[in-house]
Amino acid sequence: MSTHGSPYTSGPPPGRGPGPSPGAGATSLWRASDRFERWFRRVLIVVLLLGLPAAAVGAGLKAYEASIPIPSGPHRSVPE
């Protein structure tokens, strides 16, 4: 092993490169696809958080309606 370290270090040299400047947030490095993915994820979470309970209530109402017996025979009231 060499005591000088590897000549092939990963990343840019300190103080240079495309990294954020002091004071700049990480948002300056986001690509358009990253921003789209972030908004898509937020919309999907909102749809799931609002849609799943609504679907559960709807399914429960349908199951309840399906469990109600339909009257048949001479006691059935049919408008004439």
N, C-alpha and C. Protein backbone atom coordinates (compact mmCIF):
# COMPACT_ATOMS: atom_id res chain seq x y z
N MET A 1 0.82 -1.17 0.00
CA MET A 1 0.00 0.00 0.00
C MET A 1 0.87 1.24 0.00
N SER A 2 0.46 2.21 -0.70
CA SER A 2 1.21 3.46 -0.76
C SER A 2 0.80 4.38 0.37
N THR A 3 1.75 5.15 0.87
CA THR A 3 1.44 6.10 1.94
C THR A 3 0.93 7.42 1.39
N HIS A 4 0.96 7.58 0.07
CA HIS A 4 0.55 8.84 -0.55
C HIS A 4 -0.94 8.88 -0.87
N GLY A 5 -1.60 7.78 -0.79
CA GLY A 5 -3.02 7.75 -1.13
C GLY A 5 -3.21 7.43 -2.60
N SER A 6 -4.41 7.20 -2.99
CA SER A 6 -4.72 6.84 -4.37
C SER A 6 -4.75 8.09 -5.25
N PRO A 7 -4.17 8.00 -6.45
CA PRO A 7 -4.26 9.16 -7.36
C PRO A 7 -5.65 9.26 -7.99
N TYR A 8 -6.49 8.28 -7.78
CA TYR A 8 -7.81 8.26 -8.40
C TYR A 8 -8.89 8.44 -7.32
N THR A 9 -8.94 9.59 -6.73
CA THR A 9 -9.95 9.85 -5.71
C THR A 9 -11.29 10.12 -6.38
N SER A 10 -12.34 9.83 -5.67
CA SER A 10 -13.67 10.05 -6.24
C SER A 10 -14.12 11.48 -5.94
N GLY A 11 -14.85 12.03 -6.87
CA GLY A 11 -15.40 13.36 -6.70
C GLY A 11 -14.45 14.45 -7.14
N PRO A 12 -14.97 15.67 -7.21
CA PRO A 12 -14.13 16.79 -7.65
C PRO A 12 -13.18 17.20 -6.53
N PRO A 13 -12.11 17.88 -6.88
CA PRO A 13 -11.18 18.36 -5.86
C PRO A 13 -11.89 19.35 -4.95
N PRO A 14 -11.42 19.48 -3.72
CA PRO A 14 -12.06 20.40 -2.79
C PRO A 14 -12.02 21.84 -3.31
N GLY A 15 -13.15 22.53 -3.17
CA GLY A 15 -13.20 23.93 -3.58
C GLY A 15 -13.51 24.14 -5.04
N ARG A 16 -13.62 23.09 -5.83
CA ARG A 16 -13.92 23.25 -7.25
C ARG A 16 -15.03 22.29 -7.63
N GLY A 17 -15.61 22.48 -8.78
CA GLY A 17 -16.62 21.56 -9.28
C GLY A 17 -18.00 22.18 -9.29
N PRO A 18 -18.97 21.39 -9.73
CA PRO A 18 -20.33 21.93 -9.90
C PRO A 18 -21.16 21.93 -8.62
N GLY A 19 -20.57 21.74 -7.49
CA GLY A 19 -21.32 21.68 -6.23
C GLY A 19 -21.96 23.01 -5.90
N PRO A 20 -22.84 23.00 -4.93
CA PRO A 20 -23.51 24.24 -4.56
C PRO A 20 -22.54 25.24 -3.95
N SER A 21 -22.75 26.49 -4.24
CA SER A 21 -21.90 27.53 -3.66
C SER A 21 -22.33 27.76 -2.22
N PRO A 22 -21.49 28.34 -1.40
CA PRO A 22 -21.89 28.59 -0.02
C PRO A 22 -23.14 29.47 0.04
N GLY A 23 -24.10 29.03 0.81
CA GLY A 23 -25.34 29.78 0.93
C GLY A 23 -26.43 29.29 0.00
N ALA A 24 -26.08 28.55 -1.03
CA ALA A 24 -27.09 28.03 -1.96
C ALA A 24 -27.62 26.72 -1.42
N GLY A 25 -28.91 26.53 -1.54
CA GLY A 25 -29.53 25.30 -1.06
C GLY A 25 -29.34 24.18 -2.06
N ALA A 26 -29.75 23.00 -1.67
CA ALA A 26 -29.64 21.84 -2.55
C ALA A 26 -30.61 21.92 -3.71
N THR A 27 -31.59 22.84 -3.64
CA THR A 27 -32.58 22.95 -4.70
C THR A 27 -31.97 23.40 -6.02
N SER A 28 -30.81 24.01 -5.98
CA SER A 28 -30.19 24.46 -7.22
C SER A 28 -29.70 23.28 -8.05
N LEU A 29 -29.62 22.09 -7.46
CA LEU A 29 -29.15 20.93 -8.20
C LEU A 29 -30.28 20.05 -8.71
N TRP A 30 -31.53 20.38 -8.40
CA TRP A 30 -32.64 19.54 -8.84
C TRP A 30 -32.88 19.70 -10.33
N ARG A 31 -33.06 18.58 -10.99
CA ARG A 31 -33.39 18.59 -12.42
C ARG A 31 -34.90 18.73 -12.57
N ALA A 32 -35.33 18.99 -13.79
CA ALA A 32 -36.76 19.11 -14.07
C ALA A 32 -37.47 17.80 -13.76
N SER A 33 -36.83 16.68 -14.06
CA SER A 33 -37.45 15.38 -13.78
C SER A 33 -37.58 15.16 -12.27
N ASP A 34 -36.63 15.67 -11.49
CA ASP A 34 -36.73 15.56 -10.03
C ASP A 34 -37.90 16.38 -9.50
N ARG A 35 -38.07 17.58 -10.04
CA ARG A 35 -39.20 18.42 -9.61
C ARG A 35 -40.52 17.77 -9.99
N PHE A 36 -40.60 17.22 -11.20
CA PHE A 36 -41.83 16.54 -11.64
C PHE A 36 -42.12 15.35 -10.74
N GLU A 37 -41.10 14.58 -10.43
CA GLU A 37 -41.29 13.41 -9.57
C GLU A 37 -41.78 13.82 -8.19
N ARG A 38 -41.25 14.91 -7.64
CA ARG A 38 -41.66 15.38 -6.33
C ARG A 38 -43.13 15.80 -6.34
N TRP A 39 -43.55 16.55 -7.37
CA TRP A 39 -44.95 16.97 -7.44
C TRP A 39 -45.87 15.79 -7.71
N PHE A 40 -45.44 14.86 -8.56
CA PHE A 40 -46.25 13.68 -8.84
C PHE A 40 -46.44 12.85 -7.57
N ARG A 41 -45.39 12.71 -6.79
CA ARG A 41 -45.49 11.96 -5.54
C ARG A 41 -46.46 12.63 -4.57
N ARG A 42 -46.41 13.96 -4.49
CA ARG A 42 -47.33 14.68 -3.60
C ARG A 42 -48.78 14.50 -4.05
N VAL A 43 -49.04 14.62 -5.34
CA VAL A 43 -50.40 14.45 -5.86
C VAL A 43 -50.88 13.03 -5.60
N LEU A 44 -50.02 12.05 -5.82
CA LEU A 44 -50.40 10.66 -5.60
C LEU A 44 -50.74 10.41 -4.13
N ILE A 45 -49.97 10.97 -3.22
CA ILE A 45 -50.25 10.80 -1.80
C ILE A 45 -51.59 11.43 -1.44
N VAL A 46 -51.88 12.62 -1.97
CA VAL A 46 -53.15 13.28 -1.67
C VAL A 46 -54.31 12.46 -2.23
N VAL A 47 -54.16 11.96 -3.45
CA VAL A 47 -55.23 11.15 -4.05
C VAL A 47 -55.47 9.89 -3.23
N LEU A 48 -54.40 9.24 -2.79
CA LEU A 48 -54.56 8.03 -1.99
C LEU A 48 -55.17 8.33 -0.63
N LEU A 49 -54.72 9.41 0.01
CA LEU A 49 -55.24 9.74 1.34
C LEU A 49 -56.71 10.14 1.29
N LEU A 50 -57.15 10.74 0.20
CA LEU A 50 -58.55 11.12 0.08
C LEU A 50 -59.39 10.05 -0.61
N GLY A 51 -58.79 9.34 -1.55
CA GLY A 51 -59.54 8.38 -2.34
C GLY A 51 -59.78 7.05 -1.66
N LEU A 52 -58.84 6.56 -0.91
CA LEU A 52 -59.02 5.26 -0.26
C LEU A 52 -60.15 5.26 0.77
N PRO A 53 -60.24 6.25 1.64
CA PRO A 53 -61.40 6.26 2.55
C PRO A 53 -62.73 6.39 1.81
N ALA A 54 -62.77 7.20 0.76
CA ALA A 54 -64.00 7.36 -0.01
C ALA A 54 -64.37 6.04 -0.69
N ALA A 55 -63.40 5.32 -1.22
CA ALA A 55 -63.67 4.02 -1.84
C ALA A 55 -64.14 3.01 -0.80
N ALA A 56 -63.59 3.06 0.40
CA ALA A 56 -64.00 2.14 1.45
C ALA A 56 -65.44 2.41 1.87
N VAL A 57 -65.81 3.67 1.99
CA VAL A 57 -67.19 4.02 2.34
C VAL A 57 -68.14 3.58 1.24
N GLY A 58 -67.76 3.82 -0.01
CA GLY A 58 -68.59 3.39 -1.14
C GLY A 58 -68.77 1.89 -1.19
N ALA A 59 -67.71 1.15 -0.95
CA ALA A 59 -67.80 -0.31 -0.95
C ALA A 59 -68.67 -0.80 0.21
N GLY A 60 -68.56 -0.14 1.36
CA GLY A 60 -69.39 -0.51 2.50
C GLY A 60 -70.87 -0.26 2.22
N LEU A 61 -71.19 0.86 1.57
CA LEU A 61 -72.58 1.15 1.23
C LEU A 61 -73.14 0.13 0.23
N LYS A 62 -72.33 -0.22 -0.75
CA LYS A 62 -72.77 -1.22 -1.73
C LYS A 62 -72.99 -2.58 -1.06
N ALA A 63 -72.12 -2.96 -0.16
CA ALA A 63 -72.27 -4.23 0.55
C ALA A 63 -73.53 -4.21 1.42
N TYR A 64 -73.78 -3.06 2.05
CA TYR A 64 -74.98 -2.94 2.88
C TYR A 64 -76.23 -3.05 2.02
N GLU A 65 -76.24 -2.35 0.88
CA GLU A 65 -77.41 -2.41 -0.01
C GLU A 65 -77.62 -3.82 -0.55
N ALA A 66 -76.54 -4.52 -0.81
CA ALA A 66 -76.65 -5.88 -1.33
C ALA A 66 -77.15 -6.85 -0.27
N SER A 67 -76.97 -6.53 1.00
CA SER A 67 -77.39 -7.44 2.07
C SER A 67 -78.86 -7.25 2.46
N ILE A 68 -79.48 -6.16 2.00
CA ILE A 68 -80.88 -5.91 2.32
C ILE A 68 -81.74 -6.82 1.45
N PRO A 69 -82.61 -7.64 2.07
CA PRO A 69 -83.45 -8.54 1.27
C PRO A 69 -84.51 -7.75 0.48
N ILE A 70 -84.74 -8.21 -0.72
CA ILE A 70 -85.76 -7.61 -1.57
C ILE A 70 -87.07 -8.34 -1.31
N PRO A 71 -88.12 -7.61 -0.94
CA PRO A 71 -89.40 -8.27 -0.67
C PRO A 71 -89.96 -8.90 -1.95
N SER A 72 -90.50 -10.08 -1.79
CA SER A 72 -91.12 -10.76 -2.93
C SER A 72 -92.45 -11.37 -2.47
N GLY A 73 -93.26 -11.74 -3.41
CA GLY A 73 -94.54 -12.35 -3.06
C GLY A 73 -95.65 -11.34 -3.03
N PRO A 74 -96.79 -11.71 -2.38
CA PRO A 74 -97.98 -10.85 -2.40
C PRO A 74 -97.83 -9.57 -1.58
N HIS A 75 -96.84 -9.46 -0.71
CA HIS A 75 -96.69 -8.30 0.13
C HIS A 75 -95.86 -7.21 -0.54
N ARG A 76 -95.39 -7.48 -1.74
CA ARG A 76 -94.56 -6.52 -2.46
C ARG A 76 -95.43 -5.38 -2.93
N SER A 77 -95.02 -4.16 -2.63
CA SER A 77 -95.80 -3.00 -3.06
C SER A 77 -95.23 -2.50 -4.39
N VAL A 78 -96.05 -2.61 -5.40
CA VAL A 78 -95.65 -2.19 -6.74
C VAL A 78 -96.61 -1.06 -7.15
N PRO A 79 -96.10 0.07 -7.57
CA PRO A 79 -97.00 1.13 -8.01
C PRO A 79 -97.78 0.71 -9.27
N GLU A 80 -99.07 0.99 -9.26
CA GLU A 80 -99.89 0.61 -10.42
C GLU A 80 -100.31 1.80 -11.21
